[in-house]
Amino acid sequence: MTHPPFVGFRQISRHDQLFKERIHDPYRVRQKPPEPTVCPSCGAVFHEGRWQWGEAPADAHQEMCAACQRIRDDFPSGFVTLGGEFYAAHHSEIMHIVHNVEKREKIEHPFNRIMAIEEKDGETLVTTTDIHLARGIGEAIHDAYQGDLEFHYNPEEYLLRVHWMR
């Protein structure tokens, strides 16, 4: 006796499978730029297989890095919303943490940058060029002050929304 297939599941034979990209980041470069390459906007240098801060030779290829493209297009991948009564009372200390996390991350990862900080209706929205910076900001604030921390990740859009409230 055969059993009916599970409802909601689809069996696909191996040769019919198509691999979908797990991370759909429209700013992710499909091939590496020539070495050395310098970003004309921020000065980051592609050297030894990765973007980093440093001096570029005068004859370096010029190409805008992904972070500068996101900033130019106003297309953040991280959104950090901060709010609550505790936040309002400790605004400057919490924003100091936000800036320190960015400073620390940006040293090693040039694509991890804050794009904008907007204050509205007692909340602050911090937009970032990378999901890892948004996550790091949320975790650092939660580690320091506890509160309610939520992550909402959308892999199809390479987008992370972080909400912290206390």
Protein backbone atom coordinates (compact mmCIF):
# COMPACT_ATOMS: atom_id res chain seq x y z
CA MET A 1 0.00 0.00 0.00
CA THR A 2 1.38 3.39 -0.96
CA HIS A 3 0.87 6.48 1.11
CA PRO A 4 -0.18 9.81 -0.39
CA PRO A 5 2.56 12.44 -0.47
CA PHE A 6 2.73 14.99 2.33
CA VAL A 7 0.48 17.95 1.69
CA GLY A 8 2.50 21.07 1.00
CA PHE A 9 5.62 19.19 -0.09
CA ARG A 10 6.66 18.64 -3.64
CA GLN A 11 8.95 15.84 -4.61
CA ILE A 12 11.36 16.77 -7.35
CA SER A 13 13.72 14.37 -9.00
CA ARG A 14 17.37 15.34 -8.63
CA HIS A 15 17.97 16.25 -12.27
CA ASP A 16 15.05 18.72 -12.24
CA GLN A 17 16.27 20.74 -9.26
CA LEU A 18 17.31 24.31 -9.79
CA PHE A 19 19.50 25.94 -7.20
CA LYS A 20 18.19 29.27 -6.05
CA GLU A 21 20.58 31.85 -4.76
CA ARG A 22 20.32 31.86 -0.97
CA ILE A 23 21.26 35.53 -0.72
CA HIS A 24 19.82 37.83 -3.31
CA ASP A 25 21.90 40.96 -2.87
CA PRO A 26 21.60 43.15 -5.96
CA TYR A 27 24.83 44.90 -4.94
CA ARG A 28 26.87 41.73 -4.66
CA VAL A 29 29.45 41.68 -7.43
CA ARG A 30 29.46 38.44 -9.40
CA GLN A 31 33.15 38.65 -10.28
CA LYS A 32 36.07 40.23 -8.51
CA PRO A 33 37.35 43.56 -9.78
CA PRO A 34 40.91 43.75 -11.12
CA GLU A 35 43.62 44.31 -8.55
CA PRO A 36 44.23 46.89 -7.37
CA THR A 37 40.89 48.70 -7.57
CA VAL A 38 40.00 51.81 -5.59
CA CYS A 39 36.55 53.20 -4.85
CA PRO A 40 36.52 56.83 -6.03
CA SER A 41 33.93 57.75 -3.38
CA CYS A 42 35.32 56.35 -0.12
CA GLY A 43 38.86 55.31 -1.02
CA ALA A 44 38.48 51.62 -0.08
CA VAL A 45 40.91 49.42 -1.99
CA PHE A 46 40.30 45.97 -3.43
CA HIS A 47 43.56 44.17 -2.72
CA GLU A 48 44.46 40.55 -2.03
CA GLY A 49 40.94 39.40 -2.86
CA ARG A 50 38.96 41.73 -0.60
CA TRP A 51 37.99 45.34 -0.01
CA GLN A 52 40.02 47.02 2.72
CA TRP A 53 41.25 50.42 3.81
CA GLY A 54 44.68 51.41 2.56
CA GLU A 55 46.69 53.28 -0.02
CA ALA A 56 45.99 52.55 -3.67
CA PRO A 57 48.61 52.93 -6.37
CA ALA A 58 48.14 55.92 -8.66
CA ASP A 59 47.34 53.64 -11.61
CA ALA A 60 44.69 51.60 -9.74
CA HIS A 61 41.48 50.71 -11.54
CA GLN A 62 38.53 52.79 -10.27
CA GLU A 63 35.19 51.21 -9.44
CA MET A 64 32.56 52.19 -6.90
CA CYS A 65 32.29 49.73 -4.01
CA ALA A 66 28.97 48.13 -3.04
CA ALA A 67 28.59 50.26 0.11
CA CYS A 68 28.97 53.51 -1.83
CA GLN A 69 26.53 52.26 -4.47
CA ARG A 70 23.96 51.52 -1.73
CA ILE A 71 24.49 54.98 -0.23
CA ARG A 72 24.20 56.64 -3.67
CA ASP A 73 21.00 54.69 -4.44
CA ASP A 74 19.61 55.16 -0.89
CA PHE A 75 19.05 51.38 -0.73
CA PRO A 76 19.92 50.15 2.80
CA SER A 77 20.09 46.49 3.71
CA GLY A 78 19.84 47.03 7.48
CA PHE A 79 17.18 48.92 9.42
CA VAL A 80 17.57 49.36 13.19
CA THR A 81 14.62 50.90 15.04
CA LEU A 82 15.27 52.05 18.61
CA GLY A 83 12.52 53.20 20.93
CA GLY A 84 10.80 53.18 24.30
CA GLU A 85 10.86 55.26 27.48
CA PHE A 86 14.24 53.91 28.57
CA TYR A 87 15.66 54.72 25.15
CA ALA A 88 14.36 58.29 25.36
CA ALA A 89 15.99 58.72 28.78
CA HIS A 90 19.33 57.23 27.64
CA HIS A 91 19.37 58.39 24.03
CA SER A 92 22.91 59.79 23.95
CA GLU A 93 24.50 56.75 25.65
CA ILE A 94 22.72 54.34 23.30
CA MET A 95 23.65 56.34 20.22
CA HIS A 96 27.24 56.31 21.45
CA ILE A 97 27.07 52.49 21.32
CA VAL A 98 25.62 52.67 17.78
CA HIS A 99 28.54 54.80 16.57
CA ASN A 100 31.15 52.70 18.39
CA VAL A 101 29.85 49.49 16.80
CA GLU A 102 30.04 51.10 13.36
CA LYS A 103 33.56 52.40 14.01
CA ARG A 104 34.76 48.98 15.17
CA GLU A 105 33.11 47.11 12.28
CA LYS A 106 34.19 49.56 9.61
CA ILE A 107 37.88 49.12 10.43
CA GLU A 108 37.84 45.49 9.31
CA HIS A 109 34.83 45.56 6.95
CA PRO A 110 34.64 48.69 4.75
CA PHE A 111 31.11 47.78 3.60
CA ASN A 112 29.68 48.00 7.14
CA ARG A 113 28.55 51.62 7.38
CA ILE A 114 25.72 53.68 8.77
CA MET A 115 23.84 55.37 5.95
CA ALA A 116 21.49 57.61 7.89
CA ILE A 117 20.04 58.26 11.34
CA GLU A 118 16.50 59.62 11.51
CA GLU A 119 14.65 60.72 14.64
CA LYS A 120 10.87 60.56 14.44
CA ASP A 121 8.03 60.24 16.97
CA GLY A 122 10.34 59.29 19.86
CA GLU A 123 12.08 56.56 17.86
CA THR A 124 15.34 56.46 15.96
CA LEU A 125 15.84 54.66 12.67
CA VAL A 126 19.42 53.76 11.77
CA THR A 127 19.94 52.48 8.23
CA THR A 128 23.04 50.51 7.31
CA THR A 129 24.78 49.26 4.19
CA ASP A 130 25.06 45.72 5.54
CA ILE A 131 22.87 43.35 7.54
CA HIS A 132 25.77 42.34 9.81
CA LEU A 133 26.23 45.89 11.08
CA ALA A 134 22.50 46.18 11.83
CA ARG A 135 22.60 42.89 13.75
CA GLY A 136 25.74 43.98 15.61
CA ILE A 137 24.16 47.27 16.66
CA GLY A 138 21.05 45.53 17.97
CA GLU A 139 23.05 42.91 19.86
CA ALA A 140 25.41 45.47 21.41
CA ILE A 141 22.51 47.58 22.71
CA HIS A 142 20.72 44.48 24.00
CA ASP A 143 23.90 43.26 25.74
CA ALA A 144 24.32 46.64 27.43
CA TYR A 145 20.71 47.40 28.38
CA GLN A 146 18.65 44.24 27.80
CA GLY A 147 15.14 45.14 26.60
CA ASP A 148 13.18 43.56 23.74
CA LEU A 149 15.20 42.71 20.64
CA GLU A 150 13.65 41.34 17.45
CA PHE A 151 15.19 40.42 14.11
CA HIS A 152 13.23 40.11 10.86
CA TYR A 153 15.36 38.79 8.01
CA ASN A 154 14.27 38.64 4.39
CA PRO A 155 16.81 36.55 2.45
CA GLU A 156 15.18 37.25 -0.93
CA GLU A 157 15.97 40.94 -0.56
CA TYR A 158 19.08 40.63 1.65
CA LEU A 159 17.34 42.80 4.21
CA LEU A 160 17.40 42.77 8.02
CA ARG A 161 15.07 44.74 10.25
CA VAL A 162 16.13 45.02 13.88
CA HIS A 163 13.78 46.40 16.55
CA TRP A 164 15.03 47.20 20.05
CA MET A 165 12.76 48.71 22.65
CA ARG A 166 12.89 49.33 26.36
